[in-house]
Amino acid sequence: MFLEKTDPNPRTGVHIVWANEKVRPENLLPAPGIQARQEILPEMFVVSLEALVCMKLVSNHEHDRVHLRDMIDVGLIDRAMLQTLPAALAAQLDTLLADVGQ
């Protein structure tokens, strides 16, 4: 993680995640590979929505669940995504979808 010297707050830092590596040894899956990206501008890439959802489900912290609920609320995530996820992650997302009434 890169932090500001004058204000070393992790909330405003840049968190580096290595492609195809587990963030923590106990994580179910590694971080997505470099192929799980989308080009949003010429030569500017971001992680795909599906890969981001997987990362949030694998991490499964409260702030990750809040982010997922926000994405559900604005229509970025729906039940169709359940079919694209590994079973364990699909079960977690199913619970979140049910919690928000979907």
Protein backbone atom coordinates (compact mmCIF):
# COMPACT_ATOMS: atom_id res chain seq x y z
CA MET A 1 0.00 0.00 0.00
CA PHE A 2 1.24 3.47 -0.88
CA LEU A 3 0.41 6.14 1.70
CA GLU A 4 0.89 9.89 1.86
CA LYS A 5 3.84 10.78 4.08
CA THR A 6 1.96 13.66 5.74
CA ASP A 7 -1.32 11.74 6.18
CA PRO A 8 -0.66 7.98 6.18
CA ASN A 9 -4.33 6.99 6.21
CA PRO A 10 -5.05 3.61 4.54
CA ARG A 11 -8.44 4.95 3.42
CA THR A 12 -6.71 7.37 1.07
CA GLY A 13 -3.78 5.12 0.14
CA VAL A 14 -3.26 3.15 -3.05
CA HIS A 15 -3.61 -0.58 -2.45
CA ILE A 16 -1.61 -2.76 -4.83
CA VAL A 17 -2.93 -6.22 -5.66
CA TRP A 18 -0.76 -8.55 -7.75
CA ALA A 19 -2.47 -10.31 -10.67
CA ASN A 20 -3.02 -14.04 -10.19
CA GLU A 21 -1.79 -13.91 -6.57
CA LYS A 22 -3.82 -14.43 -3.40
CA VAL A 23 -4.00 -11.30 -1.28
CA ARG A 24 -4.11 -13.51 1.82
CA PRO A 25 -3.16 -17.20 1.94
CA GLU A 26 -6.63 -18.15 3.21
CA ASN A 27 -8.43 -16.49 0.27
CA LEU A 28 -10.53 -18.85 -1.83
CA LEU A 29 -9.21 -17.45 -5.13
CA PRO A 30 -6.29 -15.35 -6.30
CA ALA A 31 -6.78 -11.84 -7.64
CA PRO A 32 -7.87 -11.73 -11.28
CA GLY A 33 -5.25 -11.98 -13.99
CA ILE A 34 -4.29 -9.19 -16.32
CA GLN A 35 -6.72 -10.54 -18.95
CA ALA A 36 -9.66 -9.57 -16.68
CA ARG A 37 -9.55 -5.96 -17.76
CA GLN A 38 -11.50 -3.53 -19.88
CA GLU A 39 -10.12 -0.63 -21.86
CA ILE A 40 -12.09 2.47 -20.94
CA LEU A 41 -9.94 4.95 -22.87
CA PRO A 42 -7.07 4.35 -25.27
CA GLU A 43 -4.39 2.60 -23.24
CA MET A 44 -6.34 3.05 -19.96
CA PHE A 45 -7.52 -0.20 -18.44
CA VAL A 46 -9.62 -1.08 -15.40
CA VAL A 47 -10.54 -4.40 -13.87
CA SER A 48 -13.77 -5.85 -15.35
CA LEU A 49 -16.97 -5.69 -13.32
CA GLU A 50 -17.09 -9.48 -12.92
CA ALA A 51 -13.48 -9.57 -11.69
CA LEU A 52 -14.14 -6.70 -9.28
CA VAL A 53 -17.19 -8.50 -7.90
CA CYS A 54 -15.08 -11.66 -7.41
CA MET A 55 -12.39 -9.65 -5.60
CA LYS A 56 -15.00 -8.09 -3.30
CA LEU A 57 -16.62 -11.46 -2.57
CA VAL A 58 -13.26 -13.14 -1.88
CA SER A 59 -12.23 -10.36 0.50
CA ASN A 60 -15.68 -10.30 2.12
CA HIS A 61 -15.05 -7.41 4.52
CA GLU A 62 -17.99 -5.25 5.59
CA HIS A 63 -16.84 -2.38 3.35
CA ASP A 64 -16.66 -4.83 0.41
CA ARG A 65 -20.23 -5.96 1.08
CA VAL A 66 -21.31 -2.31 1.24
CA HIS A 67 -19.65 -1.69 -2.15
CA LEU A 68 -21.44 -4.75 -3.59
CA ARG A 69 -24.80 -3.60 -2.21
CA ASP A 70 -24.21 -0.19 -3.80
CA MET A 71 -23.48 -1.86 -7.15
CA ILE A 72 -26.67 -3.92 -6.78
CA ASP A 73 -28.69 -0.80 -5.94
CA VAL A 74 -27.55 1.02 -9.10
CA GLY A 75 -28.18 -2.01 -11.32
CA LEU A 76 -24.60 -3.07 -12.07
CA ILE A 77 -25.10 -6.47 -10.41
CA ASP A 78 -28.12 -8.73 -10.69
CA ARG A 79 -28.97 -12.43 -10.46
CA ALA A 80 -27.58 -13.10 -13.95
CA MET A 81 -24.07 -12.68 -12.52
CA LEU A 82 -24.60 -15.72 -10.25
CA GLN A 83 -24.12 -18.02 -13.24
CA THR A 84 -20.67 -16.58 -14.01
CA LEU A 85 -19.18 -17.03 -10.52
CA PRO A 86 -17.62 -20.02 -8.74
CA ALA A 87 -20.22 -21.74 -6.53
CA ALA A 88 -18.91 -20.44 -3.19
CA LEU A 89 -18.85 -16.85 -4.44
CA ALA A 90 -22.25 -17.21 -6.10
CA ALA A 91 -23.69 -18.29 -2.75
CA GLN A 92 -22.31 -15.16 -1.08
CA LEU A 93 -23.68 -12.92 -3.82
CA ASP A 94 -27.03 -14.70 -3.66
CA THR A 95 -27.23 -13.83 0.04
CA LEU A 96 -26.44 -10.17 -0.68
CA LEU A 97 -29.02 -10.05 -3.47
CA ALA A 98 -31.63 -11.58 -1.15
CA ASP A 99 -30.74 -9.07 1.60
CA VAL A 100 -31.60 -6.17 -0.72
CA GLY A 101 -34.76 -7.82 -2.01
CA GLN A 102 -33.57 -9.20 -5.36
